[in-house]
Amino acid sequence: IASSLAASVIDLLGFTLLNLLLPKSWDDSLRILVSTAAARAVSSAVNFTVNRRRVFKSKGRIDKALLKYYALAVCQAIASYGLVYLAALVSGTGRSILQTVYKIIVDTLLFFACFVLQREWVFKDGGVKK
């Protein structure tokens, strides 16, 4: 949970800063997409490293784990972007801090599914005893 919280803080700070600082002339969908992608790129690198070494104590090949992790991360980012954009569109909030609130809710729900997928698929070889 600590590694996910750290990655989430990095992700949310990056998303919020970019979402607020990107040009006002940008369409909401483009701004949310760029903010999500850039923040997720940084936070996922931190999360992969910590999860592989500390959480799941994986001893398997890093290339296979990295490929699986980023396949999952891309799907998670697409889901996050789509659901945050949909919430902003439906609520009509436009550029606002409410988009960060939507992101917190969406990413919290996605966390649970992704944790299980990381444990059972990405880092399955890890030395964690069940």
Protein backbone atom coordinates (compact mmCIF):
# COMPACT_ATOMS: atom_id res chain seq x y z
CA ILE A 1 0.00 0.00 0.00
CA ALA A 2 2.87 2.38 0.80
CA SER A 3 4.40 2.00 -2.65
CA SER A 4 1.04 2.59 -4.29
CA LEU A 5 0.40 5.62 -2.11
CA ALA A 6 3.78 7.09 -3.04
CA ALA A 7 3.14 6.49 -6.74
CA SER A 8 -0.38 7.90 -6.37
CA VAL A 9 0.92 11.09 -4.76
CA ILE A 10 3.45 11.53 -7.58
CA ASP A 11 0.73 10.80 -10.15
CA LEU A 12 -1.85 13.15 -8.61
CA LEU A 13 0.62 16.00 -8.15
CA GLY A 14 1.85 15.65 -11.71
CA PHE A 15 -1.69 15.40 -13.10
CA THR A 16 -2.96 18.37 -11.10
CA LEU A 17 -0.01 20.62 -11.94
CA LEU A 18 -0.12 19.81 -15.64
CA ASN A 19 -3.91 20.04 -15.78
CA LEU A 20 -3.77 23.52 -14.30
CA LEU A 21 -0.67 24.75 -16.16
CA LEU A 22 -1.26 23.52 -19.70
CA PRO A 23 -2.61 26.18 -22.09
CA LYS A 24 -6.20 27.26 -21.54
CA SER A 25 -6.70 27.08 -25.29
CA TRP A 26 -6.33 23.29 -25.16
CA ASP A 27 -9.46 21.17 -25.33
CA ASP A 28 -10.37 19.39 -22.05
CA SER A 29 -9.82 15.96 -23.57
CA LEU A 30 -6.29 16.82 -24.79
CA ARG A 31 -5.32 18.47 -21.52
CA ILE A 32 -6.55 15.50 -19.44
CA LEU A 33 -4.85 13.05 -21.81
CA VAL A 34 -1.46 14.80 -21.70
CA SER A 35 -1.68 15.33 -17.93
CA THR A 36 -2.60 11.68 -17.34
CA ALA A 37 0.09 10.29 -19.65
CA ALA A 38 2.95 12.44 -18.36
CA ALA A 39 2.12 11.96 -14.69
CA ARG A 40 1.60 8.22 -15.15
CA ALA A 41 4.95 7.82 -16.96
CA VAL A 42 6.81 9.16 -13.94
CA SER A 43 4.73 7.48 -11.25
CA SER A 44 4.74 4.10 -12.99
CA ALA A 45 8.54 4.02 -13.14
CA VAL A 46 8.66 4.57 -9.39
CA ASN A 47 5.90 2.04 -8.75
CA PHE A 48 7.47 -0.68 -10.93
CA THR A 49 10.83 -0.38 -9.20
CA VAL A 50 9.43 -0.46 -5.68
CA ASN A 51 6.89 -3.22 -6.39
CA ARG A 52 9.43 -5.45 -8.12
CA ARG A 53 12.08 -5.12 -5.42
CA ARG A 54 10.17 -4.60 -2.20
CA VAL A 55 6.52 -5.60 -2.49
CA PHE A 56 6.64 -8.75 -4.61
CA LYS A 57 10.37 -9.51 -4.21
CA SER A 58 10.50 -10.65 -7.81
CA LYS A 59 13.54 -12.61 -8.93
CA GLY A 60 12.27 -13.22 -12.46
CA ARG A 61 13.52 -11.62 -15.63
CA ILE A 62 13.09 -7.87 -15.53
CA ASP A 63 12.31 -7.63 -19.25
CA LYS A 64 9.26 -9.91 -18.97
CA ALA A 65 8.01 -8.18 -15.83
CA LEU A 66 8.57 -4.76 -17.40
CA LEU A 67 6.64 -5.69 -20.53
CA LYS A 68 3.72 -7.07 -18.50
CA TYR A 69 3.78 -4.13 -16.08
CA TYR A 70 3.63 -1.54 -18.84
CA ALA A 71 0.93 -3.43 -20.73
CA LEU A 72 -1.12 -3.21 -17.53
CA ALA A 73 -0.05 0.41 -16.89
CA VAL A 74 -1.16 1.50 -20.38
CA CYS A 75 -4.57 -0.15 -19.88
CA GLN A 76 -4.85 1.45 -16.46
CA ALA A 77 -3.92 4.89 -17.83
CA ILE A 78 -6.45 4.59 -20.66
CA ALA A 79 -9.16 3.59 -18.18
CA SER A 80 -8.17 6.45 -15.85
CA TYR A 81 -8.18 9.00 -18.67
CA GLY A 82 -11.48 7.78 -20.07
CA LEU A 83 -13.30 7.70 -16.77
CA VAL A 84 -11.94 11.06 -15.56
CA TYR A 85 -12.81 12.68 -18.90
CA LEU A 86 -16.29 11.11 -18.83
CA ALA A 87 -16.90 12.36 -15.29
CA ALA A 88 -15.76 15.88 -16.26
CA LEU A 89 -17.91 15.80 -19.41
CA VAL A 90 -21.02 14.58 -17.61
CA SER A 91 -20.63 17.01 -14.72
CA GLY A 92 -19.66 19.92 -16.98
CA THR A 93 -16.84 20.96 -14.65
CA GLY A 94 -14.31 21.91 -17.33
CA ARG A 95 -10.89 22.90 -16.00
CA SER A 96 -11.14 22.61 -12.25
CA ILE A 97 -9.78 20.91 -9.20
CA LEU A 98 -12.82 18.61 -9.37
CA GLN A 99 -11.03 16.71 -12.12
CA THR A 100 -8.40 15.78 -9.53
CA VAL A 101 -11.18 14.57 -7.21
CA TYR A 102 -12.55 12.42 -10.05
CA LYS A 103 -9.05 11.07 -10.66
CA ILE A 104 -8.65 10.13 -6.99
CA ILE A 105 -11.91 8.17 -7.06
CA VAL A 106 -11.20 6.46 -10.38
CA ASP A 107 -7.59 5.58 -9.54
CA THR A 108 -8.55 4.21 -6.13
CA LEU A 109 -10.93 1.78 -7.77
CA LEU A 110 -8.36 0.84 -10.42
CA PHE A 111 -5.72 0.26 -7.72
CA PHE A 112 -7.47 -2.81 -6.34
CA ALA A 113 -7.76 -4.52 -9.71
CA CYS A 114 -4.18 -3.65 -10.67
CA PHE A 115 -2.72 -4.88 -7.40
CA VAL A 116 -4.22 -8.32 -7.95
CA LEU A 117 -3.05 -8.37 -11.58
CA GLN A 118 0.47 -7.41 -10.55
CA ARG A 119 0.58 -10.10 -7.88
CA GLU A 120 -0.93 -12.84 -10.04
CA TRP A 121 0.49 -11.97 -13.47
CA VAL A 122 3.25 -9.36 -13.57
CA PHE A 123 5.34 -10.46 -10.58
CA LYS A 124 3.96 -13.98 -10.16
CA ASP A 125 7.43 -15.47 -9.65
CA GLY A 126 8.08 -13.21 -6.65
CA GLY A 127 9.33 -14.80 -3.47
CA VAL A 128 6.16 -13.89 -1.59
CA LYS A 129 4.80 -16.95 0.23
CA LYS A 130 1.05 -17.40 0.17
